[in-house]
Amino acid sequence: MVAQAFRFDGFGSLVTISSSAKLGFVSSFSIVCWVKLNVPLARQPMYGLYNEYPFIVEKGDGGYTQRNYRLYFSQQKNSLNFDGFNQPGQTHVFSTSLEHADKYFDDLRWHWVSATWDRSRLTATIFIDGKPVVSAQGTDNDLLTNSYPLRIGAAGFDRYFLAGSIDELALFSRSLSQSEIIAIYRAESNGFCK
């Protein structure tokens, strides 16, 4: 979308970024990126254990013990999901799910995906191409941080591989406003508006 992008084959390609305090959010934050599937959601490769969950990004171990946040697809539920956790296991601070994700991504074109957690409003929102498409209420708890790396195009223990491309991924330690998300979306191939 903007110069070069990460292209993932769905069978083992991923990008790993070493853990740092800046990547471990405890309060409001945002994830933004361009996403393009290489094959429709229902035909993402089923390679390895539980790979029906193609991941965009995760900070955690990919299992139920150490999760901070994640943005990922579910083939079974045909959804795009955004979650944050405050205890080992399945204890969510927030969890929001966009149903019928194929309606947005099966055209195999680039789409601007933004996910925000606004702790002051206790609201998690997913935006597609600058428009809010689903929101959910969360709880007033700190997110659980961990020492696991940030993985792009897969999840912890190197599984849940995505067959698609990701570009201009950015993490913000605050909840972006809709006007900021729209400004970045409108910049398109020019990159982020500064």
N, C-alpha and C. Protein backbone atom coordinates (compact mmCIF):
# COMPACT_ATOMS: atom_id res chain seq x y z
N MET A 1 0.83 -1.20 0.00
CA MET A 1 0.00 0.00 0.00
C MET A 1 0.86 1.26 0.00
N VAL A 2 1.88 1.25 0.87
CA VAL A 2 2.82 2.38 0.96
C VAL A 2 4.21 1.80 0.79
N ALA A 3 4.79 1.95 -0.39
CA ALA A 3 6.11 1.39 -0.69
C ALA A 3 6.08 -0.12 -0.44
N GLN A 4 6.88 -0.62 0.52
CA GLN A 4 6.94 -2.05 0.76
C GLN A 4 6.05 -2.43 1.94
N ALA A 5 5.51 -3.64 1.88
CA ALA A 5 4.66 -4.16 2.95
C ALA A 5 5.18 -5.52 3.39
N PHE A 6 4.75 -5.96 4.56
CA PHE A 6 5.01 -7.33 4.99
C PHE A 6 4.02 -8.24 4.28
N ARG A 7 4.55 -9.28 3.63
CA ARG A 7 3.68 -10.25 2.96
C ARG A 7 3.87 -11.60 3.65
N PHE A 8 2.76 -12.18 4.09
CA PHE A 8 2.80 -13.42 4.86
C PHE A 8 2.15 -14.55 4.06
N ASP A 9 2.79 -15.74 4.11
CA ASP A 9 2.34 -16.83 3.25
C ASP A 9 1.32 -17.76 3.91
N GLY A 10 1.04 -17.57 5.22
CA GLY A 10 0.08 -18.42 5.91
C GLY A 10 0.65 -19.74 6.39
N PHE A 11 1.96 -19.97 6.18
CA PHE A 11 2.56 -21.26 6.54
C PHE A 11 3.79 -21.12 7.42
N GLY A 12 4.08 -19.95 7.91
CA GLY A 12 5.25 -19.84 8.79
C GLY A 12 5.94 -18.49 8.74
N SER A 13 5.50 -17.59 7.89
CA SER A 13 6.15 -16.29 7.85
C SER A 13 5.54 -15.37 8.90
N LEU A 14 6.39 -14.61 9.58
CA LEU A 14 5.95 -13.65 10.58
C LEU A 14 7.07 -12.68 10.86
N VAL A 15 6.74 -11.59 11.54
CA VAL A 15 7.72 -10.62 12.00
C VAL A 15 7.65 -10.60 13.52
N THR A 16 8.80 -10.67 14.16
CA THR A 16 8.86 -10.66 15.63
C THR A 16 9.65 -9.44 16.08
N ILE A 17 9.09 -8.69 17.03
CA ILE A 17 9.75 -7.53 17.61
C ILE A 17 9.95 -7.80 19.09
N SER A 18 11.18 -7.65 19.55
CA SER A 18 11.50 -7.93 20.95
C SER A 18 10.62 -7.13 21.89
N SER A 19 10.33 -7.72 23.03
CA SER A 19 9.49 -7.07 24.03
C SER A 19 10.14 -5.79 24.54
N SER A 20 9.32 -4.81 24.80
CA SER A 20 9.77 -3.58 25.45
C SER A 20 8.59 -2.99 26.20
N ALA A 21 8.89 -2.15 27.17
CA ALA A 21 7.83 -1.53 27.97
C ALA A 21 6.89 -0.71 27.10
N LYS A 22 7.39 -0.14 26.03
CA LYS A 22 6.56 0.69 25.15
C LYS A 22 5.49 -0.13 24.41
N LEU A 23 5.69 -1.42 24.28
CA LEU A 23 4.74 -2.27 23.57
C LEU A 23 3.73 -2.92 24.51
N GLY A 24 3.95 -2.83 25.80
CA GLY A 24 3.06 -3.45 26.78
C GLY A 24 2.10 -2.43 27.36
N PHE A 25 0.94 -2.27 26.76
CA PHE A 25 -0.01 -1.26 27.19
C PHE A 25 -0.80 -1.74 28.41
N VAL A 26 -1.05 -0.80 29.33
CA VAL A 26 -1.88 -1.12 30.49
C VAL A 26 -3.21 -0.35 30.46
N SER A 27 -3.25 0.72 29.66
CA SER A 27 -4.46 1.54 29.60
C SER A 27 -4.83 1.76 28.13
N SER A 28 -5.36 2.93 27.80
CA SER A 28 -5.82 3.22 26.43
C SER A 28 -4.69 3.03 25.41
N PHE A 29 -5.06 2.50 24.24
CA PHE A 29 -4.08 2.36 23.15
C PHE A 29 -4.82 2.14 21.84
N SER A 30 -4.07 2.18 20.75
CA SER A 30 -4.62 1.97 19.41
C SER A 30 -3.66 1.14 18.57
N ILE A 31 -4.23 0.35 17.68
CA ILE A 31 -3.49 -0.39 16.66
C ILE A 31 -4.06 0.05 15.32
N VAL A 32 -3.19 0.44 14.39
CA VAL A 32 -3.65 0.82 13.06
C VAL A 32 -2.74 0.17 12.03
N CYS A 33 -3.32 -0.22 10.89
CA CYS A 33 -2.52 -0.80 9.80
C CYS A 33 -3.39 -0.99 8.56
N TRP A 34 -2.72 -1.12 7.43
CA TRP A 34 -3.37 -1.57 6.21
C TRP A 34 -3.30 -3.08 6.17
N VAL A 35 -4.39 -3.74 5.79
CA VAL A 35 -4.45 -5.20 5.71
C VAL A 35 -5.06 -5.61 4.38
N LYS A 36 -4.46 -6.61 3.76
CA LYS A 36 -5.00 -7.18 2.53
C LYS A 36 -4.81 -8.69 2.60
N LEU A 37 -5.91 -9.43 2.52
CA LEU A 37 -5.81 -10.88 2.49
C LEU A 37 -5.34 -11.35 1.11
N ASN A 38 -4.56 -12.43 1.09
CA ASN A 38 -4.13 -13.02 -0.18
C ASN A 38 -5.16 -13.99 -0.73
N VAL A 39 -5.92 -14.59 0.17
CA VAL A 39 -7.02 -15.50 -0.19
C VAL A 39 -8.19 -15.16 0.71
N PRO A 40 -9.42 -15.49 0.31
CA PRO A 40 -10.58 -15.19 1.16
C PRO A 40 -10.42 -15.79 2.56
N LEU A 41 -11.12 -15.20 3.50
CA LEU A 41 -10.99 -15.61 4.90
C LEU A 41 -11.28 -17.09 5.09
N ALA A 42 -12.30 -17.61 4.46
CA ALA A 42 -12.65 -19.02 4.63
C ALA A 42 -11.62 -19.97 4.03
N ARG A 43 -10.73 -19.45 3.18
CA ARG A 43 -9.72 -20.29 2.54
C ARG A 43 -8.31 -19.99 3.03
N GLN A 44 -8.20 -19.29 4.17
CA GLN A 44 -6.87 -19.10 4.76
C GLN A 44 -6.29 -20.48 5.08
N PRO A 45 -4.98 -20.66 4.90
CA PRO A 45 -4.39 -21.99 5.11
C PRO A 45 -4.63 -22.51 6.52
N MET A 46 -4.96 -23.79 6.61
CA MET A 46 -5.14 -24.46 7.90
C MET A 46 -3.87 -25.25 8.17
N TYR A 47 -2.83 -24.53 8.56
CA TYR A 47 -1.53 -25.16 8.74
C TYR A 47 -1.20 -25.20 10.23
N GLY A 48 -1.11 -26.37 10.78
CA GLY A 48 -0.75 -26.51 12.19
C GLY A 48 -1.95 -26.40 13.11
N LEU A 49 -1.66 -26.47 14.39
CA LEU A 49 -2.67 -26.50 15.44
C LEU A 49 -3.43 -25.19 15.54
N TYR A 50 -4.75 -25.26 15.52
CA TYR A 50 -5.61 -24.10 15.74
C TYR A 50 -5.32 -22.95 14.77
N ASN A 51 -4.93 -23.24 13.56
CA ASN A 51 -4.58 -22.14 12.68
C ASN A 51 -5.78 -21.51 11.99
N GLU A 52 -7.00 -21.78 12.50
CA GLU A 52 -8.17 -21.11 11.94
C GLU A 52 -8.30 -19.69 12.47
N TYR A 53 -7.24 -19.19 13.12
CA TYR A 53 -7.23 -17.83 13.64
C TYR A 53 -6.05 -17.06 13.04
N PRO A 54 -6.17 -16.56 11.82
CA PRO A 54 -5.07 -15.79 11.24
C PRO A 54 -4.88 -14.46 11.99
N PHE A 55 -3.71 -14.26 12.54
CA PHE A 55 -3.44 -13.09 13.37
C PHE A 55 -2.84 -11.94 12.58
N ILE A 56 -3.28 -10.74 12.91
CA ILE A 56 -2.63 -9.52 12.42
C ILE A 56 -1.49 -9.18 13.37
N VAL A 57 -1.80 -9.07 14.67
CA VAL A 57 -0.76 -8.73 15.65
C VAL A 57 -1.17 -9.28 17.01
N GLU A 58 -0.15 -9.67 17.80
CA GLU A 58 -0.39 -10.10 19.17
C GLU A 58 0.81 -9.79 20.04
N LYS A 59 0.53 -9.37 21.28
CA LYS A 59 1.56 -9.24 22.32
C LYS A 59 1.20 -10.27 23.39
N GLY A 60 1.85 -11.43 23.32
CA GLY A 60 1.52 -12.50 24.25
C GLY A 60 2.12 -13.81 23.80
N ASP A 61 1.67 -14.90 24.45
CA ASP A 61 2.24 -16.21 24.16
C ASP A 61 1.40 -17.04 23.22
N GLY A 62 0.28 -16.47 22.73
CA GLY A 62 -0.57 -17.18 21.80
C GLY A 62 -1.49 -18.19 22.45
N GLY A 63 -1.32 -18.40 23.74
CA GLY A 63 -2.16 -19.36 24.45
C GLY A 63 -3.04 -18.65 25.46
N TYR A 64 -3.34 -19.32 26.53
CA TYR A 64 -4.25 -18.78 27.53
C TYR A 64 -3.54 -18.30 28.79
N THR A 65 -2.23 -18.18 28.77
CA THR A 65 -1.53 -17.88 30.00
C THR A 65 -1.02 -16.44 30.09
N GLN A 66 -0.48 -15.91 29.02
CA GLN A 66 0.11 -14.57 29.06
C GLN A 66 -0.30 -13.78 27.83
N ARG A 67 -1.38 -13.03 27.95
CA ARG A 67 -1.83 -12.20 26.84
C ARG A 67 -1.92 -10.76 27.29
N ASN A 68 -1.56 -9.85 26.41
CA ASN A 68 -1.73 -8.43 26.65
C ASN A 68 -2.85 -7.92 25.73
N TYR A 69 -2.65 -8.02 24.41
CA TYR A 69 -3.67 -7.62 23.44
C TYR A 69 -3.45 -8.39 22.16
N ARG A 70 -4.51 -8.42 21.33
CA ARG A 70 -4.41 -9.12 20.06
C ARG A 70 -5.47 -8.59 19.09
N LEU A 71 -5.14 -8.65 17.80
CA LEU A 71 -6.05 -8.29 16.72
C LEU A 71 -5.94 -9.41 15.70
N TYR A 72 -7.05 -10.11 15.43
CA TYR A 72 -6.96 -11.33 14.64
C TYR A 72 -8.30 -11.68 14.00
N PHE A 73 -8.24 -12.54 13.00
CA PHE A 73 -9.43 -13.08 12.35
C PHE A 73 -9.79 -14.43 12.96
N SER A 74 -11.06 -14.80 12.85
CA SER A 74 -11.51 -16.15 13.15
C SER A 74 -12.22 -16.68 11.91
N GLN A 75 -11.70 -17.77 11.35
CA GLN A 75 -12.38 -18.38 10.20
C GLN A 75 -13.71 -18.97 10.61
N GLN A 76 -13.74 -19.68 11.74
CA GLN A 76 -14.97 -20.34 12.17
C GLN A 76 -16.10 -19.35 12.38
N LYS A 77 -15.80 -18.22 13.00
CA LYS A 77 -16.82 -17.22 13.30
C LYS A 77 -16.95 -16.15 12.22
N ASN A 78 -16.06 -16.21 11.21
CA ASN A 78 -16.07 -15.21 10.14
C ASN A 78 -16.04 -13.81 10.75
N SER A 79 -15.01 -13.57 11.58
CA SER A 79 -14.97 -12.32 12.34
C SER A 79 -13.56 -11.75 12.41
N LEU A 80 -13.49 -10.45 12.71
CA LEU A 80 -12.26 -9.76 13.06
C LEU A 80 -12.41 -9.38 14.53
N ASN A 81 -11.42 -9.75 15.35
CA ASN A 81 -11.54 -9.63 16.79
C ASN A 81 -10.42 -8.78 17.39
N PHE A 82 -10.77 -8.03 18.43
CA PHE A 82 -9.83 -7.17 19.14
C PHE A 82 -10.05 -7.37 20.62
N ASP A 83 -9.02 -7.89 21.32
CA ASP A 83 -9.14 -8.25 22.73
C ASP A 83 -8.00 -7.68 23.55
N GLY A 84 -8.26 -7.44 24.83
CA GLY A 84 -7.25 -7.09 25.81
C GLY A 84 -7.53 -7.84 27.10
N PHE A 85 -6.47 -8.18 27.84
CA PHE A 85 -6.62 -9.09 28.98
C PHE A 85 -5.98 -8.49 30.24
N ASN A 86 -6.51 -8.89 31.40
CA ASN A 86 -5.93 -8.40 32.65
C ASN A 86 -5.51 -9.50 33.60
N GLN A 87 -5.68 -10.76 33.25
CA GLN A 87 -5.20 -11.87 34.07
C GLN A 87 -4.84 -13.01 33.14
N PRO A 88 -3.95 -13.89 33.60
CA PRO A 88 -3.70 -15.07 32.78
C PRO A 88 -5.00 -15.80 32.50
N GLY A 89 -5.11 -16.30 31.31
CA GLY A 89 -6.32 -17.01 30.93
C GLY A 89 -7.23 -16.16 30.08
N GLN A 90 -8.52 -16.30 30.27
CA GLN A 90 -9.50 -15.67 29.40
C GLN A 90 -10.18 -14.47 30.03
N THR A 91 -9.58 -13.81 31.02
CA THR A 91 -10.20 -12.68 31.67
C THR A 91 -9.97 -11.42 30.83
N HIS A 92 -11.01 -10.96 30.17
CA HIS A 92 -10.90 -9.82 29.27
C HIS A 92 -11.09 -8.50 30.01
N VAL A 93 -10.29 -7.51 29.64
CA VAL A 93 -10.61 -6.12 29.96
C VAL A 93 -11.63 -5.65 28.93
N PHE A 94 -11.42 -6.06 27.68
CA PHE A 94 -12.38 -5.78 26.61
C PHE A 94 -12.29 -6.86 25.56
N SER A 95 -13.36 -7.03 24.82
CA SER A 95 -13.39 -7.98 23.71
C SER A 95 -14.46 -7.51 22.74
N THR A 96 -14.05 -7.22 21.52
CA THR A 96 -15.02 -6.81 20.51
C THR A 96 -14.80 -7.63 19.24
N SER A 97 -15.89 -7.90 18.53
CA SER A 97 -15.83 -8.79 17.39
C SER A 97 -16.68 -8.24 16.24
N LEU A 98 -16.05 -8.09 15.09
CA LEU A 98 -16.75 -7.67 13.87
C LEU A 98 -17.20 -8.92 13.13
N GLU A 99 -18.51 -9.16 13.09
CA GLU A 99 -19.04 -10.32 12.39
C GLU A 99 -19.05 -10.07 10.88
N HIS A 100 -19.12 -11.14 10.12
CA HIS A 100 -19.15 -11.08 8.65
C HIS A 100 -17.93 -10.31 8.11
N ALA A 101 -16.77 -10.65 8.64
CA ALA A 101 -15.54 -9.98 8.20
C ALA A 101 -15.26 -10.20 6.72
N ASP A 102 -15.77 -11.31 6.17
CA ASP A 102 -15.55 -11.56 4.74
C ASP A 102 -16.14 -10.45 3.88
N LYS A 103 -17.19 -9.81 4.36
CA LYS A 103 -17.82 -8.72 3.62
C LYS A 103 -16.84 -7.57 3.36
N TYR A 104 -15.89 -7.42 4.25
CA TYR A 104 -14.90 -6.35 4.12
C TYR A 104 -13.62 -6.80 3.44
N PHE A 105 -13.18 -8.03 3.70
CA PHE A 105 -11.82 -8.43 3.32
C PHE A 105 -11.73 -9.42 2.16
N ASP A 106 -12.83 -10.07 1.80
CA ASP A 106 -12.75 -11.07 0.74
C ASP A 106 -12.61 -10.47 -0.66
N ASP A 107 -12.63 -9.14 -0.77
CA ASP A 107 -12.34 -8.54 -2.07
C ASP A 107 -10.85 -8.55 -2.37
N LEU A 108 -10.04 -8.97 -1.38
CA LEU A 108 -8.58 -9.08 -1.51
C LEU A 108 -7.93 -7.75 -1.88
N ARG A 109 -8.51 -6.68 -1.36
CA ARG A 109 -7.95 -5.33 -1.54
C ARG A 109 -7.47 -4.80 -0.20
N TRP A 110 -6.72 -3.71 -0.25
CA TRP A 110 -6.22 -3.08 0.97
C TRP A 110 -7.37 -2.42 1.72
N HIS A 111 -7.37 -2.61 3.05
CA HIS A 111 -8.33 -1.95 3.93
C HIS A 111 -7.59 -1.40 5.15
N TRP A 112 -7.99 -0.21 5.56
CA TRP A 112 -7.39 0.44 6.72
C TRP A 112 -8.11 -0.06 7.97
N VAL A 113 -7.39 -0.80 8.80
CA VAL A 113 -7.95 -1.38 10.02
C VAL A 113 -7.41 -0.61 11.22
N SER A 114 -8.32 -0.15 12.05
CA SER A 114 -7.95 0.56 13.27
C SER A 114 -8.72 -0.05 14.42
N ALA A 115 -8.03 -0.26 15.53
CA ALA A 115 -8.66 -0.81 16.73
C ALA A 115 -8.24 0.05 17.91
N THR A 116 -9.20 0.56 18.65
CA THR A 116 -8.89 1.45 19.77
C THR A 116 -9.52 0.95 21.06
N TRP A 117 -8.78 1.09 22.15
CA TRP A 117 -9.31 0.86 23.49
C TRP A 117 -9.24 2.20 24.22
N ASP A 118 -10.41 2.75 24.53
CA ASP A 118 -10.53 4.03 25.23
C ASP A 118 -10.96 3.73 26.66
N ARG A 119 -10.00 3.72 27.56
CA ARG A 119 -10.33 3.34 28.95
C ARG A 119 -11.21 4.40 29.62
N SER A 120 -11.05 5.66 29.24
CA SER A 120 -11.87 6.70 29.88
C SER A 120 -13.35 6.50 29.58
N ARG A 121 -13.66 5.90 28.43
CA ARG A 121 -15.05 5.62 28.05
C ARG A 121 -15.39 4.14 28.16
N LEU A 122 -14.40 3.34 28.54
CA LEU A 122 -14.56 1.88 28.64
C LEU A 122 -15.14 1.30 27.35
N THR A 123 -14.56 1.74 26.22
CA THR A 123 -15.08 1.33 24.91
C THR A 123 -13.95 0.87 24.00
N ALA A 124 -14.12 -0.31 23.43
CA ALA A 124 -13.22 -0.83 22.40
C ALA A 124 -13.95 -0.74 21.06
N THR A 125 -13.26 -0.21 20.05
CA THR A 125 -13.90 0.01 18.75
C THR A 125 -12.99 -0.49 17.63
N ILE A 126 -13.59 -1.13 16.64
CA ILE A 126 -12.90 -1.48 15.40
C ILE A 126 -13.42 -0.58 14.30
N PHE A 127 -12.50 0.01 13.54
CA PHE A 127 -12.81 0.85 12.39
C PHE A 127 -12.30 0.14 11.14
N ILE A 128 -13.06 0.21 10.06
CA ILE A 128 -12.61 -0.26 8.76
C ILE A 128 -12.71 0.91 7.79
N ASP A 129 -11.59 1.23 7.15
CA ASP A 129 -11.52 2.34 6.19
C ASP A 129 -12.07 3.63 6.79
N GLY A 130 -11.71 3.88 8.05
CA GLY A 130 -12.05 5.13 8.72
C GLY A 130 -13.41 5.16 9.39
N LYS A 131 -14.22 4.13 9.18
CA LYS A 131 -15.57 4.12 9.74
C LYS A 131 -15.66 3.15 10.91
N PRO A 132 -16.26 3.58 12.04
CA PRO A 132 -16.46 2.64 13.14
C PRO A 132 -17.50 1.60 12.75
N VAL A 133 -17.14 0.32 12.89
CA VAL A 133 -18.06 -0.74 12.47
C VAL A 133 -18.58 -1.57 13.63
N VAL A 134 -17.87 -1.57 14.77
CA VAL A 134 -18.37 -2.28 15.94
C VAL A 134 -17.66 -1.74 17.18
N SER A 135 -18.41 -1.66 18.29
CA SER A 135 -17.86 -1.25 19.58
C SER A 135 -18.38 -2.18 20.66
N ALA A 136 -17.64 -2.26 21.75
CA ALA A 136 -18.06 -3.05 22.90
C ALA A 136 -17.57 -2.39 24.17
N GLN A 137 -18.31 -2.57 25.23
CA GLN A 137 -17.92 -2.02 26.53
C GLN A 137 -16.91 -2.96 27.19
N GLY A 138 -15.99 -2.36 27.94
CA GLY A 138 -15.00 -3.12 28.69
C GLY A 138 -15.07 -2.80 30.16
N THR A 139 -14.03 -3.16 30.89
CA THR A 139 -13.97 -2.95 32.33
C THR A 139 -12.83 -2.00 32.67
N ASP A 140 -12.92 -1.38 33.83
CA ASP A 140 -11.91 -0.41 34.25
C ASP A 140 -10.78 -1.12 34.99
N ASN A 141 -9.99 -1.89 34.23
CA ASN A 141 -8.86 -2.63 34.79
C ASN A 141 -7.63 -2.41 33.93
N ASP A 142 -6.46 -2.52 34.55
CA ASP A 142 -5.21 -2.48 33.80
C ASP A 142 -5.09 -3.72 32.94
N LEU A 143 -4.50 -3.55 31.76
CA LEU A 143 -4.15 -4.70 30.94
C LEU A 143 -2.93 -5.39 31.54
N LEU A 144 -2.85 -6.70 31.34
CA LEU A 144 -1.73 -7.49 31.83
C LEU A 144 -0.55 -7.36 30.86
N THR A 145 0.58 -6.91 31.34
CA THR A 145 1.78 -6.84 30.49
C THR A 145 2.55 -8.16 30.62
N ASN A 146 3.45 -8.38 29.68
CA ASN A 146 4.25 -9.60 29.70
C ASN A 146 5.57 -9.35 28.98
N SER A 147 6.44 -10.32 29.02
CA SER A 147 7.77 -10.19 28.41
C SER A 147 7.85 -10.87 27.05
N TYR A 148 6.73 -11.26 26.49
CA TYR A 148 6.74 -11.90 25.18
C TYR A 148 6.91 -10.86 24.07
N PRO A 149 7.47 -11.25 22.95
CA PRO A 149 7.62 -10.30 21.84
C PRO A 149 6.29 -9.95 21.20
N LEU A 150 6.32 -8.90 20.42
CA LEU A 150 5.18 -8.55 19.57
C LEU A 150 5.34 -9.34 18.28
N ARG A 151 4.28 -10.03 17.89
CA ARG A 151 4.33 -10.81 16.65
C ARG A 151 3.35 -10.22 15.64
N ILE A 152 3.82 -10.07 14.42
CA ILE A 152 3.01 -9.54 13.33
C ILE A 152 2.83 -10.65 12.30
N GLY A 153 1.57 -10.91 11.93
CA GLY A 153 1.29 -11.96 10.95
C GLY A 153 1.19 -13.35 11.55
N ALA A 154 1.26 -13.43 12.88
CA ALA A 154 1.14 -14.71 13.58
C ALA A 154 0.97 -14.40 15.06
N ALA A 155 0.88 -15.45 15.87
CA ALA A 155 0.75 -15.27 17.31
C ALA A 155 1.84 -16.05 18.03
N GLY A 156 1.78 -16.06 19.36
CA GLY A 156 2.80 -16.69 20.17
C GLY A 156 3.08 -18.12 19.79
N PHE A 157 4.30 -18.57 20.06
CA PHE A 157 4.77 -19.90 19.69
C PHE A 157 4.68 -20.10 18.18
N ASP A 158 4.66 -18.99 17.44
CA ASP A 158 4.75 -19.01 15.99
C ASP A 158 3.70 -19.92 15.35
N ARG A 159 2.45 -19.55 15.54
CA ARG A 159 1.34 -20.25 14.91
C ARG A 159 0.27 -19.22 14.57
N TYR A 160 -0.88 -19.67 14.12
CA TYR A 160 -1.96 -18.77 13.70
C TYR A 160 -1.50 -17.83 12.58
N PHE A 161 -0.91 -18.39 11.56
CA PHE A 161 -0.29 -17.58 10.50
C PHE A 161 -1.33 -16.95 9.57
N LEU A 162 -1.06 -15.75 9.15
CA LEU A 162 -1.90 -15.00 8.22
C LEU A 162 -1.41 -15.20 6.79
N ALA A 163 -2.34 -15.42 5.86
CA ALA A 163 -2.03 -15.38 4.44
C ALA A 163 -2.52 -14.04 3.92
N GLY A 164 -1.64 -13.06 3.93
CA GLY A 164 -2.03 -11.71 3.54
C GLY A 164 -0.88 -10.75 3.72
N SER A 165 -1.16 -9.49 3.57
CA SER A 165 -0.15 -8.44 3.69
C SER A 165 -0.58 -7.41 4.72
N ILE A 166 0.42 -6.84 5.40
CA ILE A 166 0.21 -5.80 6.40
C ILE A 166 1.18 -4.68 6.11
N ASP A 167 0.69 -3.45 6.16
CA ASP A 167 1.55 -2.30 5.90
C ASP A 167 1.21 -1.18 6.88
N GLU A 168 2.21 -0.34 7.13
CA GLU A 168 2.04 0.86 7.95
C GLU A 168 1.47 0.54 9.34
N LEU A 169 1.87 -0.59 9.90
CA LEU A 169 1.43 -0.92 11.25
C LEU A 169 2.00 0.07 12.24
N ALA A 170 1.14 0.60 13.11
CA ALA A 170 1.59 1.51 14.16
C ALA A 170 0.76 1.26 15.41
N LEU A 171 1.42 1.41 16.55
CA LEU A 171 0.78 1.28 17.85
C LEU A 171 0.90 2.63 18.56
N PHE A 172 -0.17 3.05 19.19
CA PHE A 172 -0.22 4.32 19.91
C PHE A 172 -0.61 4.06 21.35
N SER A 173 0.01 4.75 22.28
CA SER A 173 -0.30 4.57 23.70
C SER A 173 -1.45 5.46 24.14
N ARG A 174 -2.41 5.63 23.25
CA ARG A 174 -3.63 6.38 23.55
C ARG A 174 -4.68 5.94 22.53
N SER A 175 -5.92 6.28 22.82
CA SER A 175 -6.99 5.98 21.89
C SER A 175 -7.08 7.09 20.85
N LEU A 176 -6.84 6.76 19.59
CA LEU A 176 -6.95 7.76 18.53
C LEU A 176 -8.41 8.15 18.34
N SER A 177 -8.63 9.40 17.97
CA SER A 177 -9.98 9.86 17.67
C SER A 177 -10.36 9.42 16.26
N GLN A 178 -11.65 9.45 15.96
CA GLN A 178 -12.08 9.08 14.61
C GLN A 178 -11.50 10.03 13.58
N SER A 179 -11.38 11.31 13.90
CA SER A 179 -10.82 12.26 12.94
C SER A 179 -9.35 11.95 12.65
N GLU A 180 -8.60 11.50 13.64
CA GLU A 180 -7.21 11.11 13.40
C GLU A 180 -7.14 9.87 12.53
N ILE A 181 -8.01 8.91 12.79
CA ILE A 181 -8.05 7.68 12.00
C ILE A 181 -8.41 7.99 10.55
N ILE A 182 -9.38 8.87 10.34
CA ILE A 182 -9.78 9.27 8.99
C ILE A 182 -8.64 9.98 8.27
N ALA A 183 -7.92 10.84 8.99
CA ALA A 183 -6.80 11.57 8.38
C ALA A 183 -5.73 10.61 7.88
N ILE A 184 -5.42 9.58 8.67
CA ILE A 184 -4.43 8.60 8.23
C ILE A 184 -4.96 7.80 7.04
N TYR A 185 -6.23 7.42 7.11
CA TYR A 185 -6.84 6.66 6.01
C TYR A 185 -6.79 7.47 4.71
N ARG A 186 -7.12 8.73 4.78
CA ARG A 186 -7.14 9.57 3.58
C ARG A 186 -5.77 9.81 2.99
N ALA A 187 -4.73 9.67 3.81
CA ALA A 187 -3.37 9.84 3.30
C ALA A 187 -3.00 8.71 2.33
N GLU A 188 -3.63 7.54 2.49
CA GLU A 188 -3.44 6.38 1.64
C GLU A 188 -1.97 6.12 1.35
N SER A 189 -1.59 6.05 0.09
CA SER A 189 -0.22 5.66 -0.26
C SER A 189 0.82 6.70 0.08
N ASN A 190 0.40 7.87 0.57
CA ASN A 190 1.37 8.88 1.01
C ASN A 190 1.89 8.58 2.40
N GLY A 191 1.31 7.63 3.10
CA GLY A 191 1.73 7.31 4.46
C GLY A 191 1.01 8.18 5.48
N PHE A 192 1.45 8.05 6.72
CA PHE A 192 0.79 8.74 7.83
C PHE A 192 0.80 10.26 7.65
N CYS A 193 -0.32 10.89 8.02
CA CYS A 193 -0.35 12.35 8.15
C CYS A 193 0.35 12.70 9.45
N LYS A 194 1.29 13.62 9.41
CA LYS A 194 2.00 14.02 10.63
C LYS A 194 1.41 15.32 11.15
